[in-house]
């Protein structure tokens, strides 16, 4: 056996060496595939950056992270980790005050009643707010069989008043921190595929929120409907075409399968991406140390 290997070692080594050389060439020549969600982390060390960023998240179930199968809090920890890595800060201190089912008036009441929330808001470098979906659902449930675009005009005005009060309350405790308000998206077609007006209703609701937010300083409306409405591949959703409403089984790969309402992990990553982009553009308002 020893004589066999001595005589035939070239037959064994040469093919192995050729295969190894091929793999190495492929590794260096073939370009790397880019991540689907474009979440590359780019550290930008800067001695002017704050060492610790205080991030307060408040809102409804989207802030709580319902639908996140990791039970880690939806888009909030994703966003915090990306901020930490991108700007090379020591830590992002997160306080999450999300509560499933809360409407705008209920979030407002929680802030008014909780000294802890008030304190954390006052210390925040940046704040996110998710609101509006439950306000809209309350209107839908009130008259689900007679929904029209027109019937939402009065409830929308009332909602805008509540949002204005909520934003003013936040500003009572923190006059400077930027506030990023996420819009709502349309998962309702999964329940009501026959109501093709639903997308226009959601669009109007978002427009009402954006209009109210625009009246405030250092507050930013972040639309997410286009990211979540039709799923990652953009091939689901109701657009008004006849074939859209004929489908018996509508699914969305960005929505949690258990309730067909909340985002899943993919959906929360998409939300974090959207907020991150606006935070990067407005980093002067929250990232840097105060000049002495």
Protein backbone atom coordinates (compact mmCIF):
# COMPACT_ATOMS: atom_id res chain seq x y z
CA UNK A 1 0.00 0.00 0.00
CA UNK A 2 2.86 2.36 0.84
CA UNK A 3 4.44 1.73 -2.55
CA UNK A 4 1.12 2.48 -4.24
CA UNK A 5 0.85 5.97 -2.68
CA UNK A 6 4.49 6.76 -3.41
CA UNK A 7 3.99 5.90 -7.09
CA UNK A 8 0.62 7.61 -7.47
CA UNK A 9 0.85 10.68 -5.23
CA UNK A 10 0.91 12.99 -8.24
CA UNK A 11 -2.38 11.54 -9.44
CA UNK A 12 -3.94 12.45 -6.09
CA UNK A 13 -2.30 15.82 -5.42
CA UNK A 14 -2.56 17.46 -8.85
CA UNK A 15 -6.39 17.27 -9.17
CA UNK A 16 -6.80 18.48 -5.58
CA UNK A 17 -4.44 21.39 -6.18
CA UNK A 18 -6.24 22.35 -9.37
CA UNK A 19 -9.60 22.33 -7.60
CA UNK A 20 -8.24 24.46 -4.76
CA UNK A 21 -6.75 26.97 -7.22
CA UNK A 22 -10.07 27.20 -9.05
CA UNK A 23 -11.96 27.92 -5.83
CA UNK A 24 -9.50 30.64 -4.87
CA UNK A 25 -9.81 32.30 -8.27
CA UNK A 26 -13.60 32.22 -8.07
CA UNK A 27 -13.49 33.73 -4.57
CA UNK A 28 -11.45 36.73 -5.68
CA UNK A 29 -12.91 37.23 -9.15
CA UNK A 30 -16.65 36.66 -8.71
CA UNK A 31 -18.32 39.75 -7.16
CA UNK A 32 -20.09 39.31 -3.86
CA UNK A 33 -23.90 39.38 -3.92
CA UNK A 34 -25.34 42.45 -2.25
CA UNK A 35 -27.75 41.99 0.68
CA UNK A 36 -31.39 42.14 -0.38
CA UNK A 37 -32.32 44.83 2.13
CA UNK A 38 -29.18 46.94 1.67
CA UNK A 39 -28.38 47.00 5.38
CA UNK A 40 -24.60 47.11 5.13
CA UNK A 41 -23.21 48.64 8.28
CA UNK A 42 -20.79 51.47 7.76
CA UNK A 43 -18.97 52.73 10.82
CA UNK A 44 -18.22 56.42 10.72
CA UNK A 45 -16.06 57.09 13.79
CA UNK A 46 -16.18 60.71 14.83
CA UNK A 47 -15.01 62.21 18.10
CA UNK A 48 -17.90 64.67 17.88
CA UNK A 49 -20.48 61.88 18.06
CA UNK A 50 -22.23 61.30 21.36
CA UNK A 51 -20.97 58.26 23.25
CA UNK A 52 -24.49 57.07 24.05
CA UNK A 53 -27.69 57.77 22.09
CA UNK A 54 -30.93 57.75 24.05
CA UNK A 55 -33.74 56.42 21.85
CA UNK A 56 -37.35 56.44 23.05
CA UNK A 57 -39.95 54.56 21.04
CA UNK A 58 -43.62 55.06 21.81
CA UNK A 59 -46.78 53.99 20.08
CA UNK A 60 -48.97 51.02 19.29
CA UNK A 61 -48.32 47.37 18.43
CA UNK A 62 -45.83 48.29 15.70
CA UNK A 63 -43.58 49.78 18.36
CA UNK A 64 -44.22 46.85 20.68
CA UNK A 65 -43.21 44.52 17.85
CA UNK A 66 -46.25 42.26 17.51
CA UNK A 67 -45.51 39.78 14.72
CA UNK A 68 -41.77 39.69 15.40
CA UNK A 69 -41.07 35.97 15.80
CA UNK A 70 -37.86 36.70 17.70
CA UNK A 71 -39.87 38.60 20.36
CA UNK A 72 -37.16 41.25 20.43
CA UNK A 73 -39.32 44.28 19.65
CA UNK A 74 -39.87 44.63 15.91
CA UNK A 75 -38.16 47.50 14.09
CA UNK A 76 -36.95 49.27 17.26
CA UNK A 77 -33.92 47.05 18.14
CA UNK A 78 -33.05 46.68 14.44
CA UNK A 79 -32.89 50.45 14.14
CA UNK A 80 -30.94 50.84 17.38
CA UNK A 81 -28.31 48.31 16.32
CA UNK A 82 -27.87 49.91 12.91
CA UNK A 83 -27.41 53.35 14.48
CA UNK A 84 -24.82 51.97 16.90
CA UNK A 85 -22.83 50.24 14.18
CA UNK A 86 -23.08 52.97 11.55
CA UNK A 87 -21.93 55.79 13.82
CA UNK A 88 -19.62 53.79 16.07
CA UNK A 89 -21.24 54.98 19.29
CA UNK A 90 -20.71 53.03 22.50
CA UNK A 91 -24.39 52.24 22.95
CA UNK A 92 -27.95 53.09 21.98
CA UNK A 93 -30.05 53.17 25.14
CA UNK A 94 -33.58 52.11 24.13
CA UNK A 95 -36.81 52.67 26.02
CA UNK A 96 -39.78 51.00 24.30
CA UNK A 97 -43.26 52.17 25.27
CA UNK A 98 -45.22 50.37 22.58
CA UNK A 99 -48.62 48.97 23.53
CA UNK A 100 -50.72 46.73 21.35
CA UNK A 101 -54.10 48.18 20.41
CA UNK A 102 -53.46 51.78 21.43
CA UNK A 103 -55.11 54.60 19.50
CA UNK A 104 -53.73 58.12 19.41
CA UNK A 105 -55.88 59.23 22.37
CA UNK A 106 -54.75 56.24 24.44
CA UNK A 107 -51.07 56.91 23.75
CA UNK A 108 -51.68 60.50 24.82
CA UNK A 109 -53.30 59.36 28.07
CA UNK A 110 -50.39 57.05 28.85
CA UNK A 111 -47.92 59.90 28.47
CA UNK A 112 -49.97 62.20 30.69
CA UNK A 113 -50.30 59.57 33.42
CA UNK A 114 -46.78 58.11 33.44
CA UNK A 115 -43.97 60.05 35.06
CA UNK A 116 -41.55 57.44 33.76
CA UNK A 117 -42.58 58.03 30.13
CA UNK A 118 -42.36 61.77 30.68
CA UNK A 119 -38.87 61.42 32.16
CA UNK A 120 -37.62 59.16 29.36
CA UNK A 121 -39.03 61.46 26.69
CA UNK A 122 -37.25 64.36 28.32
CA UNK A 123 -33.89 62.55 28.14
CA UNK A 124 -34.32 61.30 24.56
CA UNK A 125 -31.94 62.19 21.74
CA UNK A 126 -34.44 60.83 19.23
CA UNK A 127 -38.01 59.57 19.35
CA UNK A 128 -40.13 57.34 17.11
CA UNK A 129 -43.91 57.17 17.13
CA UNK A 130 -46.21 54.62 15.50
CA UNK A 131 -49.84 55.64 15.50
CA UNK A 132 -52.97 55.73 13.39
CA UNK A 133 -53.73 52.13 12.50
CA UNK A 134 -55.99 51.52 15.47
CA UNK A 135 -57.73 54.88 14.99
CA UNK A 136 -58.57 53.85 11.45
CA UNK A 137 -59.67 50.36 12.53
CA UNK A 138 -62.09 51.88 15.02
CA UNK A 139 -63.81 53.75 12.17
CA UNK A 140 -63.85 50.64 9.98
CA UNK A 141 -65.37 48.46 12.69
CA UNK A 142 -68.03 51.09 13.35
CA UNK A 143 -69.62 50.66 9.91
CA UNK A 144 -67.78 47.92 8.07
CA UNK A 145 -70.56 47.26 5.54
CA UNK A 146 -70.99 50.86 4.42
CA UNK A 147 -67.46 52.11 3.99
CA UNK A 148 -66.86 54.92 1.52
CA UNK A 149 -64.03 57.38 1.06
CA UNK A 150 -66.44 60.18 1.97
CA UNK A 151 -67.43 58.60 5.28
CA UNK A 152 -63.85 58.90 6.58
CA UNK A 153 -63.52 62.66 6.18
CA UNK A 154 -64.99 63.64 9.56
CA UNK A 155 -63.19 60.88 11.52
CA UNK A 156 -59.94 61.96 9.85
CA UNK A 157 -60.39 65.54 11.07
CA UNK A 158 -60.96 64.26 14.60
CA UNK A 159 -57.88 62.06 14.32
CA UNK A 160 -55.76 64.99 13.17
CA UNK A 161 -56.81 66.86 16.29
CA UNK A 162 -55.73 63.93 18.45
CA UNK A 163 -52.38 63.66 16.65
CA UNK A 164 -51.76 67.36 17.14
CA UNK A 165 -52.44 67.03 20.88
CA UNK A 166 -50.17 63.98 21.08
CA UNK A 167 -47.26 65.70 19.35
CA UNK A 168 -47.68 68.81 21.49
CA UNK A 169 -47.62 66.64 24.61
CA UNK A 170 -44.35 65.03 23.54
CA UNK A 171 -42.87 68.48 22.97
CA UNK A 172 -43.79 69.49 26.53
CA UNK A 173 -41.08 67.14 27.80
CA UNK A 174 -38.55 67.48 25.00
CA UNK A 175 -38.31 70.59 22.85
CA UNK A 176 -35.32 69.55 20.76
CA UNK A 177 -35.23 65.83 19.93
CA UNK A 178 -36.38 64.92 16.42
CA UNK A 179 -39.55 62.84 16.33
CA UNK A 180 -40.06 60.34 13.52
CA UNK A 181 -43.71 59.43 12.95
CA UNK A 182 -44.40 56.35 10.88
CA UNK A 183 -47.41 56.22 8.61
CA UNK A 184 -49.81 53.31 8.36
CA UNK A 185 -50.04 50.66 5.67
CA UNK A 186 -52.91 48.77 4.08
CA UNK A 187 -53.26 45.17 5.23
CA UNK A 188 -57.03 45.56 5.20
CA UNK A 189 -57.50 44.03 1.77
CA UNK A 190 -56.68 40.69 3.38
CA UNK A 191 -59.95 41.07 5.30
CA UNK A 192 -61.93 43.16 2.84
CA UNK A 193 -60.69 42.38 -0.69
CA UNK A 194 -63.98 43.57 -2.15
CA UNK A 195 -63.51 47.12 -0.84
CA UNK A 196 -61.27 48.62 -3.49
CA UNK A 197 -61.63 52.09 -1.92
CA UNK A 198 -59.57 50.91 1.05
CA UNK A 199 -56.27 51.98 -0.45
CA UNK A 200 -57.56 55.50 -1.03
CA UNK A 201 -58.86 55.60 2.54
CA UNK A 202 -55.42 54.60 3.85
CA UNK A 203 -53.72 57.14 1.59
CA UNK A 204 -56.00 59.91 2.87
CA UNK A 205 -55.31 58.86 6.47
CA UNK A 206 -51.57 59.07 5.86
CA UNK A 207 -51.98 62.44 4.14
CA UNK A 208 -53.82 63.71 7.20
CA UNK A 209 -51.04 62.55 9.51
CA UNK A 210 -48.36 64.06 7.29
CA UNK A 211 -50.20 67.38 7.14
CA UNK A 212 -50.39 67.54 10.93
CA UNK A 213 -46.76 66.50 11.40
CA UNK A 214 -45.62 69.19 8.94
CA UNK A 215 -46.96 71.86 11.30
CA UNK A 216 -44.39 70.83 13.93
CA UNK A 217 -40.68 71.59 14.14
CA UNK A 218 -38.13 68.76 13.90
CA UNK A 219 -40.83 66.17 13.31
CA UNK A 220 -40.78 63.90 10.28
CA UNK A 221 -43.45 61.77 8.66
CA UNK A 222 -42.16 58.47 7.28
CA UNK A 223 -44.43 56.63 4.81
CA UNK A 224 -44.29 52.84 4.93
CA UNK A 225 -47.37 51.85 2.95
CA UNK A 226 -45.54 51.29 -0.33
CA UNK A 227 -43.00 49.10 1.47
CA UNK A 228 -45.52 46.78 3.11
CA UNK A 229 -48.71 47.03 1.08
CA UNK A 230 -47.75 44.70 -1.75
CA UNK A 231 -45.13 42.55 -0.05
CA UNK A 232 -41.42 42.33 -0.81
CA UNK A 233 -41.88 41.26 -4.43
CA UNK A 234 -44.65 43.79 -5.01
CA UNK A 235 -47.05 41.24 -6.41
CA UNK A 236 -50.00 41.40 -4.00
CA UNK A 237 -52.50 44.04 -2.98
CA UNK A 238 -55.66 45.62 -4.27
CA UNK A 239 -55.20 48.30 -6.91
CA UNK A 240 -58.73 48.53 -8.24
CA UNK A 241 -58.29 46.17 -11.15
CA UNK A 242 -60.97 43.51 -11.51
CA UNK A 243 -58.51 40.64 -11.31
CA UNK A 244 -57.24 41.90 -7.96
CA UNK A 245 -60.57 41.33 -6.22
CA UNK A 246 -61.15 37.92 -7.77
CA UNK A 247 -58.39 36.20 -5.81
CA UNK A 248 -59.63 33.89 -3.09
CA UNK A 249 -56.32 33.63 -1.27
CA UNK A 250 -54.23 36.77 -0.83
CA UNK A 251 -50.92 36.56 0.98
CA UNK A 252 -48.22 39.08 1.77
CA UNK A 253 -44.67 38.02 2.57
CA UNK A 254 -44.07 41.13 4.70
CA UNK A 255 -47.10 40.50 6.94
CA UNK A 256 -47.34 38.18 9.95
CA UNK A 257 -49.18 35.02 8.89
CA UNK A 258 -50.89 34.50 12.24
CA UNK A 259 -53.05 37.62 12.04
CA UNK A 260 -52.57 38.97 8.48
CA UNK A 261 -52.27 42.42 9.99
CA UNK A 262 -48.95 43.11 11.69
CA UNK A 263 -45.56 43.08 9.96
CA UNK A 264 -43.40 40.00 10.21
CA UNK A 265 -39.62 40.11 10.63
CA UNK A 266 -39.16 41.09 7.00
CA UNK A 267 -41.76 43.83 7.38
CA UNK A 268 -40.06 45.22 10.46
CA UNK A 269 -36.71 45.27 8.66
CA UNK A 270 -38.32 47.28 5.86
CA UNK A 271 -39.72 49.72 8.42
CA UNK A 272 -36.33 50.07 10.12
CA UNK A 273 -34.73 50.80 6.75
CA UNK A 274 -37.22 53.59 6.06
CA UNK A 275 -36.70 55.25 9.44
CA UNK A 276 -32.93 54.84 9.23
CA UNK A 277 -32.74 56.71 5.92
CA UNK A 278 -34.51 59.76 7.38
CA UNK A 279 -32.43 59.59 10.57
CA UNK A 280 -29.24 59.65 8.50
CA UNK A 281 -30.42 62.75 6.65
CA UNK A 282 -31.26 64.49 9.95
CA UNK A 283 -28.34 63.23 12.05
CA UNK A 284 -27.29 66.78 12.89
CA UNK A 285 -30.30 66.94 15.17
CA UNK A 286 -29.47 63.94 17.37
CA UNK A 287 -25.98 62.50 16.81
CA UNK A 288 -23.45 65.13 17.79
CA UNK A 289 -22.28 66.31 21.19
CA UNK A 290 -23.34 69.75 22.29
CA UNK A 291 -20.62 72.33 21.73
CA UNK A 292 -19.12 73.60 24.94
